[in-house]
Amino acid sequence: MVEAEPKQHCGARARQGAFAFLFVAAVAAGAAAPTSAKADTLLTIEYVETHDRLDPDPKSGIVARHKIEATLTADNHVAEHDENQSGGRKRIFVKQLDSRGALGDNSAWATWRVLGPHKLERLFAGHGFLLKIDVEIGQDNACSVDIAFLLQAGATAMVTRRLDTGDPARISQPKLLSSQCTIH
């Protein structure tokens, strides 16, 4: 009896997995302290944006702070903790969310994709919009982040949940005020 050779994984998922391993290994290799290529990598993305809440309960100039902590693992998974905060001096509202998924998993809260050995993309599809975050890793674990709020074709507003009540709210397309990322 002749045994069949095992199938080789050659497709987008296998390439994505290989790129993910290379990405995590490249980040780990760039760290100051010696680390194993199998070590997890913590990526923190913080950004501040402003938007207007539209009818029926309009309010202009809402400032929101967002923090995403993503743990990238050598087995191609991403565990994510999101914190969103808005409000003035009198009241601050915070919403937190934890999720976990595989790189490229479209069923996760947000989809993470490897675009190359030093570049990641995070996509979140909301109601009437797409939040796109590109992260590029440089020398010595320096990173840069590019954030875009994209309205769906034909949409005039984004729909999200108010942090104070949890009710749906129509908002204007946010304007990015600041952004940064760090790798730990």
N, C-alpha and C. Protein backbone atom coordinates (compact mmCIF):
# COMPACT_ATOMS: atom_id res chain seq x y z
N MET A 1 0.85 -1.17 0.00
CA MET A 1 0.00 0.00 0.00
C MET A 1 0.90 1.24 0.00
N VAL A 2 0.62 2.15 -0.87
CA VAL A 2 1.38 3.38 -0.98
C VAL A 2 0.64 4.48 -0.24
N GLU A 3 1.35 5.12 0.67
CA GLU A 3 0.72 6.21 1.42
C GLU A 3 0.76 7.49 0.60
N ALA A 4 -0.32 8.19 0.62
CA ALA A 4 -0.38 9.47 -0.09
C ALA A 4 0.42 10.50 0.71
N GLU A 5 1.09 11.34 -0.01
CA GLU A 5 1.82 12.41 0.67
C GLU A 5 0.82 13.40 1.26
N PRO A 6 1.14 13.96 2.42
CA PRO A 6 0.21 14.94 3.00
C PRO A 6 0.06 16.14 2.08
N LYS A 7 -1.14 16.67 2.07
CA LYS A 7 -1.40 17.85 1.25
C LYS A 7 -0.62 19.03 1.80
N GLN A 8 -0.06 19.79 0.90
CA GLN A 8 0.62 21.00 1.31
C GLN A 8 -0.38 22.14 1.31
N HIS A 9 -0.29 22.97 2.34
CA HIS A 9 -1.18 24.12 2.43
C HIS A 9 -0.58 25.24 1.61
N CYS A 10 -1.21 25.54 0.50
CA CYS A 10 -0.69 26.62 -0.35
C CYS A 10 -1.87 27.46 -0.80
N GLY A 11 -2.11 28.47 -0.16
CA GLY A 11 -3.21 29.35 -0.51
C GLY A 11 -3.09 30.62 0.28
N ALA A 12 -4.12 31.41 0.20
CA ALA A 12 -4.09 32.71 0.86
C ALA A 12 -3.93 32.56 2.37
N ARG A 13 -4.65 31.59 2.97
CA ARG A 13 -4.56 31.42 4.43
C ARG A 13 -3.17 30.99 4.86
N ALA A 14 -2.57 30.07 4.11
CA ALA A 14 -1.22 29.62 4.47
C ALA A 14 -0.22 30.76 4.32
N ARG A 15 -0.32 31.52 3.23
CA ARG A 15 0.57 32.66 3.05
C ARG A 15 0.34 33.69 4.15
N GLN A 16 -0.94 33.90 4.50
CA GLN A 16 -1.26 34.85 5.55
C GLN A 16 -0.66 34.39 6.87
N GLY A 17 -0.75 33.09 7.15
CA GLY A 17 -0.17 32.56 8.37
C GLY A 17 1.34 32.72 8.38
N ALA A 18 1.98 32.46 7.26
CA ALA A 18 3.43 32.62 7.18
C ALA A 18 3.82 34.08 7.36
N PHE A 19 3.07 34.99 6.73
CA PHE A 19 3.35 36.42 6.91
C PHE A 19 3.13 36.83 8.35
N ALA A 20 2.09 36.29 8.99
CA ALA A 20 1.82 36.65 10.38
C ALA A 20 2.97 36.21 11.26
N PHE A 21 3.46 34.98 11.04
CA PHE A 21 4.60 34.51 11.82
C PHE A 21 5.81 35.40 11.58
N LEU A 22 6.06 35.74 10.32
CA LEU A 22 7.18 36.61 10.00
C LEU A 22 7.02 37.98 10.66
N PHE A 23 5.79 38.50 10.68
CA PHE A 23 5.53 39.80 11.29
C PHE A 23 5.83 39.75 12.79
N VAL A 24 5.27 38.76 13.48
CA VAL A 24 5.49 38.64 14.92
C VAL A 24 6.97 38.39 15.19
N ALA A 25 7.62 37.55 14.38
CA ALA A 25 9.04 37.28 14.56
C ALA A 25 9.87 38.53 14.32
N ALA A 26 9.52 39.30 13.30
CA ALA A 26 10.26 40.54 13.01
C ALA A 26 10.13 41.53 14.16
N VAL A 27 8.93 41.66 14.71
CA VAL A 27 8.73 42.57 15.84
C VAL A 27 9.50 42.07 17.05
N ALA A 28 9.43 40.77 17.31
CA ALA A 28 10.14 40.21 18.47
C ALA A 28 11.65 40.36 18.29
N ALA A 29 12.15 40.18 17.09
CA ALA A 29 13.58 40.29 16.85
C ALA A 29 14.07 41.72 17.02
N GLY A 30 13.21 42.70 16.79
CA GLY A 30 13.60 44.09 16.91
C GLY A 30 13.59 44.60 18.34
N ALA A 31 13.10 43.81 19.27
CA ALA A 31 13.03 44.26 20.66
C ALA A 31 14.43 44.38 21.26
N ALA A 32 14.57 45.26 22.24
CA ALA A 32 15.86 45.50 22.87
C ALA A 32 16.33 44.27 23.65
N ALA A 33 15.43 43.63 24.38
CA ALA A 33 15.80 42.45 25.13
C ALA A 33 15.65 41.23 24.24
N PRO A 34 16.50 40.21 24.42
CA PRO A 34 16.37 39.03 23.59
C PRO A 34 15.04 38.35 23.87
N THR A 35 14.32 38.01 22.82
CA THR A 35 13.03 37.34 22.98
C THR A 35 12.95 36.19 22.00
N SER A 36 12.03 35.32 22.27
CA SER A 36 11.78 34.20 21.37
C SER A 36 10.84 34.65 20.27
N ALA A 37 10.97 34.05 19.10
CA ALA A 37 10.08 34.38 17.98
C ALA A 37 8.66 33.97 18.30
N LYS A 38 8.47 33.11 19.30
CA LYS A 38 7.14 32.66 19.65
C LYS A 38 6.48 33.53 20.71
N ALA A 39 7.16 34.58 21.14
CA ALA A 39 6.60 35.48 22.15
C ALA A 39 5.43 36.27 21.56
N ASP A 40 4.45 36.55 22.42
CA ASP A 40 3.33 37.39 21.99
C ASP A 40 3.80 38.84 21.86
N THR A 41 3.13 39.57 21.00
CA THR A 41 3.44 40.97 20.79
C THR A 41 2.20 41.79 21.15
N LEU A 42 2.37 42.81 21.99
CA LEU A 42 1.27 43.69 22.35
C LEU A 42 1.40 44.98 21.57
N LEU A 43 0.37 45.28 20.82
CA LEU A 43 0.30 46.48 20.00
C LEU A 43 -0.80 47.36 20.58
N THR A 44 -0.44 48.60 20.94
CA THR A 44 -1.43 49.54 21.48
C THR A 44 -1.62 50.67 20.49
N ILE A 45 -2.86 50.90 20.10
CA ILE A 45 -3.22 51.98 19.18
C ILE A 45 -4.15 52.93 19.95
N GLU A 46 -3.80 54.21 19.95
CA GLU A 46 -4.65 55.20 20.60
C GLU A 46 -4.93 56.32 19.61
N TYR A 47 -6.19 56.76 19.58
CA TYR A 47 -6.52 57.89 18.71
C TYR A 47 -7.67 58.69 19.31
N VAL A 48 -7.70 59.96 18.94
CA VAL A 48 -8.74 60.88 19.39
C VAL A 48 -9.41 61.43 18.14
N GLU A 49 -10.73 61.45 18.15
CA GLU A 49 -11.49 61.99 17.02
C GLU A 49 -12.62 62.85 17.54
N THR A 50 -13.15 63.67 16.64
CA THR A 50 -14.30 64.49 16.98
C THR A 50 -15.38 64.27 15.92
N HIS A 51 -16.62 64.32 16.36
CA HIS A 51 -17.75 64.15 15.45
C HIS A 51 -18.96 64.89 16.02
N ASP A 52 -19.98 65.01 15.19
CA ASP A 52 -21.25 65.63 15.62
C ASP A 52 -22.31 64.54 15.67
N ARG A 53 -23.13 64.58 16.70
CA ARG A 53 -24.31 63.71 16.73
C ARG A 53 -25.41 64.44 15.97
N LEU A 54 -26.08 63.73 15.08
CA LEU A 54 -27.09 64.33 14.21
C LEU A 54 -28.49 64.11 14.77
N ASP A 55 -29.50 64.61 14.06
CA ASP A 55 -30.89 64.47 14.48
C ASP A 55 -31.21 63.02 14.83
N PRO A 56 -32.06 62.76 15.78
CA PRO A 56 -33.03 63.65 16.42
C PRO A 56 -32.51 64.33 17.69
N ASP A 57 -31.33 64.02 18.15
CA ASP A 57 -30.80 64.62 19.38
C ASP A 57 -29.41 65.17 19.08
N PRO A 58 -29.34 66.29 18.32
CA PRO A 58 -28.03 66.77 17.85
C PRO A 58 -27.14 67.33 18.95
N LYS A 59 -25.86 67.12 18.77
CA LYS A 59 -24.85 67.71 19.65
C LYS A 59 -23.57 67.80 18.83
N SER A 60 -22.95 68.96 18.79
CA SER A 60 -21.74 69.12 17.98
C SER A 60 -20.49 69.08 18.83
N GLY A 61 -19.39 68.74 18.18
CA GLY A 61 -18.08 68.78 18.82
C GLY A 61 -17.82 67.71 19.86
N ILE A 62 -18.39 66.54 19.70
CA ILE A 62 -18.14 65.45 20.65
C ILE A 62 -16.72 64.93 20.41
N VAL A 63 -15.93 64.87 21.47
CA VAL A 63 -14.57 64.35 21.38
C VAL A 63 -14.56 62.95 21.98
N ALA A 64 -14.02 61.99 21.23
CA ALA A 64 -13.95 60.61 21.70
C ALA A 64 -12.52 60.10 21.64
N ARG A 65 -12.14 59.40 22.69
CA ARG A 65 -10.81 58.79 22.78
C ARG A 65 -10.97 57.28 22.64
N HIS A 66 -10.11 56.68 21.85
CA HIS A 66 -10.18 55.24 21.60
C HIS A 66 -8.82 54.61 21.87
N LYS A 67 -8.85 53.44 22.50
CA LYS A 67 -7.62 52.70 22.76
C LYS A 67 -7.87 51.24 22.40
N ILE A 68 -7.02 50.71 21.55
CA ILE A 68 -7.10 49.31 21.14
C ILE A 68 -5.81 48.64 21.58
N GLU A 69 -5.93 47.61 22.39
CA GLU A 69 -4.77 46.80 22.78
C GLU A 69 -4.94 45.44 22.12
N ALA A 70 -4.06 45.14 21.18
CA ALA A 70 -4.15 43.89 20.44
C ALA A 70 -2.93 43.03 20.76
N THR A 71 -3.17 41.81 21.20
CA THR A 71 -2.09 40.86 21.45
C THR A 71 -2.01 39.93 20.25
N LEU A 72 -0.88 40.00 19.55
CA LEU A 72 -0.65 39.16 18.37
C LEU A 72 0.15 37.95 18.81
N THR A 73 -0.34 36.77 18.47
CA THR A 73 0.34 35.55 18.90
C THR A 73 1.01 34.86 17.71
N ALA A 74 1.99 34.02 18.01
CA ALA A 74 2.71 33.29 16.97
C ALA A 74 1.81 32.28 16.28
N ASP A 75 0.69 31.90 16.90
CA ASP A 75 -0.23 30.96 16.26
C ASP A 75 -1.33 31.68 15.46
N ASN A 76 -1.02 32.92 15.03
CA ASN A 76 -1.89 33.69 14.13
C ASN A 76 -3.22 34.10 14.72
N HIS A 77 -3.25 34.38 16.01
CA HIS A 77 -4.46 34.87 16.64
C HIS A 77 -4.24 36.29 17.15
N VAL A 78 -5.35 36.99 17.30
CA VAL A 78 -5.33 38.34 17.83
C VAL A 78 -6.37 38.40 18.95
N ALA A 79 -5.93 38.78 20.14
CA ALA A 79 -6.85 39.05 21.23
C ALA A 79 -6.88 40.57 21.38
N GLU A 80 -8.06 41.12 21.40
CA GLU A 80 -8.19 42.57 21.36
C GLU A 80 -9.03 43.09 22.52
N HIS A 81 -8.57 44.17 23.14
CA HIS A 81 -9.33 44.87 24.16
C HIS A 81 -9.50 46.31 23.68
N ASP A 82 -10.72 46.74 23.53
CA ASP A 82 -11.03 48.09 23.05
C ASP A 82 -11.64 48.90 24.19
N GLU A 83 -11.24 50.15 24.27
CA GLU A 83 -11.83 51.07 25.23
C GLU A 83 -12.15 52.36 24.51
N ASN A 84 -13.39 52.79 24.61
CA ASN A 84 -13.85 54.03 23.98
C ASN A 84 -14.37 54.95 25.07
N GLN A 85 -13.97 56.21 25.02
CA GLN A 85 -14.34 57.16 26.06
C GLN A 85 -14.76 58.48 25.42
N SER A 86 -15.86 59.02 25.89
CA SER A 86 -16.27 60.35 25.44
C SER A 86 -16.93 61.07 26.60
N GLY A 87 -17.02 62.36 26.47
CA GLY A 87 -17.67 63.15 27.50
C GLY A 87 -16.79 64.31 27.93
N GLY A 88 -17.41 65.21 28.61
CA GLY A 88 -16.70 66.39 29.09
C GLY A 88 -16.24 66.22 30.51
N ARG A 89 -16.05 67.36 31.17
CA ARG A 89 -15.54 67.34 32.55
C ARG A 89 -16.55 66.75 33.52
N LYS A 90 -17.84 66.94 33.26
CA LYS A 90 -18.86 66.50 34.20
C LYS A 90 -19.11 65.00 34.13
N ARG A 91 -19.13 64.46 32.92
CA ARG A 91 -19.46 63.06 32.74
C ARG A 91 -18.52 62.44 31.72
N ILE A 92 -18.00 61.31 32.05
CA ILE A 92 -17.17 60.55 31.12
C ILE A 92 -17.80 59.18 30.97
N PHE A 93 -18.02 58.77 29.75
CA PHE A 93 -18.61 57.48 29.48
C PHE A 93 -17.56 56.58 28.85
N VAL A 94 -17.47 55.36 29.34
CA VAL A 94 -16.47 54.42 28.84
C VAL A 94 -17.18 53.14 28.43
N LYS A 95 -16.80 52.62 27.28
CA LYS A 95 -17.30 51.33 26.81
C LYS A 95 -16.09 50.45 26.55
N GLN A 96 -16.12 49.22 27.05
CA GLN A 96 -15.01 48.30 26.83
C GLN A 96 -15.52 47.06 26.12
N LEU A 97 -14.65 46.47 25.31
CA LEU A 97 -15.00 45.27 24.56
C LEU A 97 -13.77 44.41 24.44
N ASP A 98 -13.93 43.11 24.63
CA ASP A 98 -12.85 42.16 24.42
C ASP A 98 -13.29 41.19 23.33
N SER A 99 -12.36 40.86 22.44
CA SER A 99 -12.66 39.89 21.39
C SER A 99 -11.40 39.12 21.05
N ARG A 100 -11.57 37.98 20.40
CA ARG A 100 -10.45 37.15 19.99
C ARG A 100 -10.81 36.51 18.65
N GLY A 101 -9.84 36.44 17.76
CA GLY A 101 -10.06 35.81 16.48
C GLY A 101 -8.74 35.52 15.80
N ALA A 102 -8.82 34.79 14.72
CA ALA A 102 -7.62 34.47 13.94
C ALA A 102 -7.35 35.60 12.95
N LEU A 103 -6.11 35.75 12.57
CA LEU A 103 -5.78 36.73 11.53
C LEU A 103 -6.58 36.39 10.28
N GLY A 104 -7.20 37.38 9.69
CA GLY A 104 -8.00 37.17 8.48
C GLY A 104 -9.40 36.64 8.74
N ASP A 105 -9.77 36.44 9.99
CA ASP A 105 -11.09 35.91 10.35
C ASP A 105 -12.14 37.00 10.19
N ASN A 106 -12.98 36.86 9.17
CA ASN A 106 -13.99 37.88 8.88
C ASN A 106 -15.18 37.83 9.84
N SER A 107 -15.27 36.81 10.68
CA SER A 107 -16.39 36.72 11.61
C SER A 107 -16.07 37.38 12.95
N ALA A 108 -14.84 37.83 13.14
CA ALA A 108 -14.45 38.47 14.39
C ALA A 108 -15.00 39.89 14.44
N TRP A 109 -14.97 40.50 15.64
CA TRP A 109 -15.43 41.88 15.84
C TRP A 109 -14.76 42.80 14.84
N ALA A 110 -13.45 42.67 14.72
CA ALA A 110 -12.67 43.42 13.74
C ALA A 110 -11.76 42.42 13.03
N THR A 111 -11.50 42.67 11.77
CA THR A 111 -10.65 41.77 10.99
C THR A 111 -9.24 42.33 10.92
N TRP A 112 -8.27 41.52 11.30
CA TRP A 112 -6.86 41.89 11.19
C TRP A 112 -6.27 41.13 10.02
N ARG A 113 -5.50 41.81 9.18
CA ARG A 113 -4.84 41.18 8.04
C ARG A 113 -3.37 41.60 8.02
N VAL A 114 -2.54 40.68 7.59
CA VAL A 114 -1.13 40.99 7.40
C VAL A 114 -0.96 41.43 5.95
N LEU A 115 -0.44 42.65 5.76
CA LEU A 115 -0.24 43.19 4.42
C LEU A 115 1.19 43.01 3.93
N GLY A 116 2.08 42.64 4.80
CA GLY A 116 3.49 42.45 4.47
C GLY A 116 4.27 42.18 5.74
N PRO A 117 5.58 42.00 5.63
CA PRO A 117 6.36 41.64 6.81
C PRO A 117 6.37 42.72 7.90
N HIS A 118 6.03 43.96 7.57
CA HIS A 118 6.05 45.02 8.57
C HIS A 118 4.77 45.84 8.57
N LYS A 119 3.67 45.27 8.05
CA LYS A 119 2.45 46.06 7.95
C LYS A 119 1.22 45.21 8.26
N LEU A 120 0.35 45.76 9.12
CA LEU A 120 -0.92 45.14 9.47
C LEU A 120 -2.07 46.07 9.12
N GLU A 121 -3.23 45.48 8.91
CA GLU A 121 -4.44 46.25 8.65
C GLU A 121 -5.54 45.73 9.57
N ARG A 122 -6.26 46.66 10.19
CA ARG A 122 -7.43 46.32 11.01
C ARG A 122 -8.64 46.95 10.36
N LEU A 123 -9.66 46.16 10.12
CA LEU A 123 -10.89 46.65 9.51
C LEU A 123 -12.06 46.38 10.45
N PHE A 124 -12.88 47.40 10.64
CA PHE A 124 -14.11 47.23 11.40
C PHE A 124 -15.24 47.77 10.54
N ALA A 125 -16.21 46.92 10.24
CA ALA A 125 -17.36 47.32 9.44
C ALA A 125 -18.52 47.67 10.37
N GLY A 126 -18.87 48.95 10.38
CA GLY A 126 -19.99 49.40 11.19
C GLY A 126 -21.21 49.63 10.31
N HIS A 127 -22.22 50.28 10.86
CA HIS A 127 -23.44 50.58 10.11
C HIS A 127 -23.21 51.81 9.25
N GLY A 128 -23.02 51.61 7.96
CA GLY A 128 -22.83 52.72 7.04
C GLY A 128 -21.40 53.22 6.94
N PHE A 129 -20.45 52.52 7.57
CA PHE A 129 -19.06 52.98 7.52
C PHE A 129 -18.08 51.83 7.71
N LEU A 130 -16.83 52.13 7.40
CA LEU A 130 -15.72 51.21 7.61
C LEU A 130 -14.62 51.99 8.32
N LEU A 131 -14.11 51.44 9.40
CA LEU A 131 -12.96 52.02 10.10
C LEU A 131 -11.74 51.20 9.69
N LYS A 132 -10.79 51.86 9.05
CA LYS A 132 -9.59 51.19 8.53
C LYS A 132 -8.37 51.74 9.26
N ILE A 133 -7.61 50.85 9.87
CA ILE A 133 -6.39 51.23 10.59
C ILE A 133 -5.23 50.44 10.00
N ASP A 134 -4.24 51.15 9.48
CA ASP A 134 -3.02 50.53 8.96
C ASP A 134 -1.90 50.81 9.95
N VAL A 135 -1.18 49.76 10.31
CA VAL A 135 -0.05 49.87 11.24
C VAL A 135 1.21 49.43 10.50
N GLU A 136 2.23 50.27 10.56
CA GLU A 136 3.51 49.93 9.96
C GLU A 136 4.58 49.92 11.04
N ILE A 137 5.39 48.85 11.04
CA ILE A 137 6.43 48.67 12.04
C ILE A 137 7.76 49.05 11.42
N GLY A 138 8.49 49.90 12.13
CA GLY A 138 9.81 50.34 11.68
C GLY A 138 10.91 49.71 12.51
N GLN A 139 12.08 50.35 12.49
CA GLN A 139 13.23 49.88 13.26
C GLN A 139 12.98 50.02 14.75
N ASP A 140 13.58 49.15 15.52
CA ASP A 140 13.52 49.20 16.99
C ASP A 140 12.09 49.27 17.52
N ASN A 141 11.17 48.56 16.90
CA ASN A 141 9.77 48.49 17.32
C ASN A 141 9.04 49.83 17.28
N ALA A 142 9.54 50.76 16.51
CA ALA A 142 8.78 52.00 16.29
C ALA A 142 7.61 51.65 15.37
N CYS A 143 6.49 52.30 15.58
CA CYS A 143 5.37 52.02 14.68
C CYS A 143 4.64 53.32 14.36
N SER A 144 3.97 53.29 13.23
CA SER A 144 3.13 54.42 12.82
C SER A 144 1.76 53.86 12.48
N VAL A 145 0.77 54.72 12.60
CA VAL A 145 -0.60 54.29 12.37
C VAL A 145 -1.31 55.29 11.48
N ASP A 146 -2.09 54.78 10.54
CA ASP A 146 -2.89 55.59 9.63
C ASP A 146 -4.34 55.15 9.82
N ILE A 147 -5.22 56.10 10.17
CA ILE A 147 -6.61 55.77 10.50
C ILE A 147 -7.53 56.51 9.54
N ALA A 148 -8.50 55.77 8.98
CA ALA A 148 -9.46 56.36 8.05
C ALA A 148 -10.88 55.92 8.43
N PHE A 149 -11.79 56.87 8.44
CA PHE A 149 -13.21 56.61 8.64
C PHE A 149 -13.86 56.75 7.26
N LEU A 150 -14.33 55.66 6.70
CA LEU A 150 -14.85 55.66 5.34
C LEU A 150 -16.35 55.43 5.35
N LEU A 151 -17.09 56.37 4.77
CA LEU A 151 -18.55 56.21 4.66
C LEU A 151 -18.86 55.23 3.54
N GLN A 152 -19.87 54.42 3.76
CA GLN A 152 -20.34 53.50 2.73
C GLN A 152 -20.92 54.32 1.57
N ALA A 153 -20.78 53.82 0.37
CA ALA A 153 -21.30 54.52 -0.81
C ALA A 153 -22.78 54.84 -0.59
N GLY A 154 -23.13 56.10 -0.79
CA GLY A 154 -24.50 56.55 -0.65
C GLY A 154 -24.90 56.93 0.77
N ALA A 155 -24.06 56.61 1.75
CA ALA A 155 -24.39 56.95 3.14
C ALA A 155 -24.08 58.42 3.40
N THR A 156 -24.91 59.06 4.20
CA THR A 156 -24.68 60.47 4.57
C THR A 156 -24.24 60.60 6.01
N ALA A 157 -24.33 59.51 6.77
CA ALA A 157 -23.95 59.53 8.17
C ALA A 157 -23.55 58.12 8.59
N MET A 158 -22.85 58.04 9.72
CA MET A 158 -22.52 56.76 10.32
C MET A 158 -23.52 56.48 11.42
N VAL A 159 -23.78 55.22 11.69
CA VAL A 159 -24.65 54.85 12.81
C VAL A 159 -23.82 54.08 13.80
N THR A 160 -23.84 54.53 15.04
CA THR A 160 -23.09 53.88 16.11
C THR A 160 -23.94 53.92 17.37
N ARG A 161 -23.43 53.39 18.45
CA ARG A 161 -24.16 53.41 19.72
C ARG A 161 -23.63 54.53 20.61
N ARG A 162 -24.54 55.25 21.23
CA ARG A 162 -24.13 56.28 22.19
C ARG A 162 -23.52 55.59 23.40
N LEU A 163 -22.42 56.13 23.92
CA LEU A 163 -21.78 55.53 25.09
C LEU A 163 -22.60 55.75 26.35
N ASP A 164 -23.35 56.86 26.41
CA ASP A 164 -24.10 57.16 27.63
C ASP A 164 -25.38 56.36 27.77
N THR A 165 -26.07 56.07 26.67
CA THR A 165 -27.35 55.37 26.75
C THR A 165 -27.36 54.01 26.05
N GLY A 166 -26.42 53.79 25.14
CA GLY A 166 -26.41 52.56 24.35
C GLY A 166 -27.36 52.60 23.17
N ASP A 167 -28.10 53.72 23.02
CA ASP A 167 -29.04 53.85 21.91
C ASP A 167 -28.31 54.12 20.60
N PRO A 168 -28.89 53.69 19.48
CA PRO A 168 -28.28 54.01 18.18
C PRO A 168 -28.28 55.53 17.95
N ALA A 169 -27.24 56.01 17.31
CA ALA A 169 -27.13 57.44 17.01
C ALA A 169 -26.50 57.62 15.65
N ARG A 170 -27.02 58.58 14.91
CA ARG A 170 -26.42 58.96 13.63
C ARG A 170 -25.38 60.02 13.92
N ILE A 171 -24.16 59.83 13.38
CA ILE A 171 -23.10 60.81 13.61
C ILE A 171 -22.45 61.20 12.28
N SER A 172 -21.83 62.36 12.29
CA SER A 172 -21.08 62.80 11.11
C SER A 172 -19.81 61.97 11.00
N GLN A 173 -19.19 62.04 9.84
CA GLN A 173 -17.93 61.34 9.64
C GLN A 173 -16.88 61.96 10.57
N PRO A 174 -16.26 61.15 11.44
CA PRO A 174 -15.30 61.70 12.41
C PRO A 174 -14.08 62.34 11.74
N LYS A 175 -13.51 63.29 12.46
CA LYS A 175 -12.26 63.93 12.05
C LYS A 175 -11.20 63.51 13.06
N LEU A 176 -10.12 62.95 12.57
CA LEU A 176 -9.04 62.47 13.43
C LEU A 176 -8.25 63.66 13.97
N LEU A 177 -8.08 63.71 15.29
CA LEU A 177 -7.31 64.78 15.93
C LEU A 177 -5.88 64.34 16.23
N SER A 178 -5.71 63.09 16.66
CA SER A 178 -4.37 62.58 16.95
C SER A 178 -4.40 61.06 16.94
N SER A 179 -3.23 60.47 16.74
CA SER A 179 -3.11 59.01 16.78
C SER A 179 -1.68 58.63 17.12
N GLN A 180 -1.52 57.47 17.74
CA GLN A 180 -0.19 56.94 18.03
C GLN A 180 -0.29 55.45 18.24
N CYS A 181 0.84 54.77 18.12
CA CYS A 181 0.88 53.36 18.43
C CYS A 181 2.21 53.04 19.12
N THR A 182 2.15 51.98 19.92
CA THR A 182 3.36 51.50 20.60
C THR A 182 3.35 49.98 20.54
N ILE A 183 4.54 49.41 20.61
CA ILE A 183 4.70 47.96 20.64
C ILE A 183 5.41 47.61 21.93
N HIS A 184 4.88 46.61 22.63
CA HIS A 184 5.47 46.17 23.90
C HIS A 184 5.92 44.72 23.76
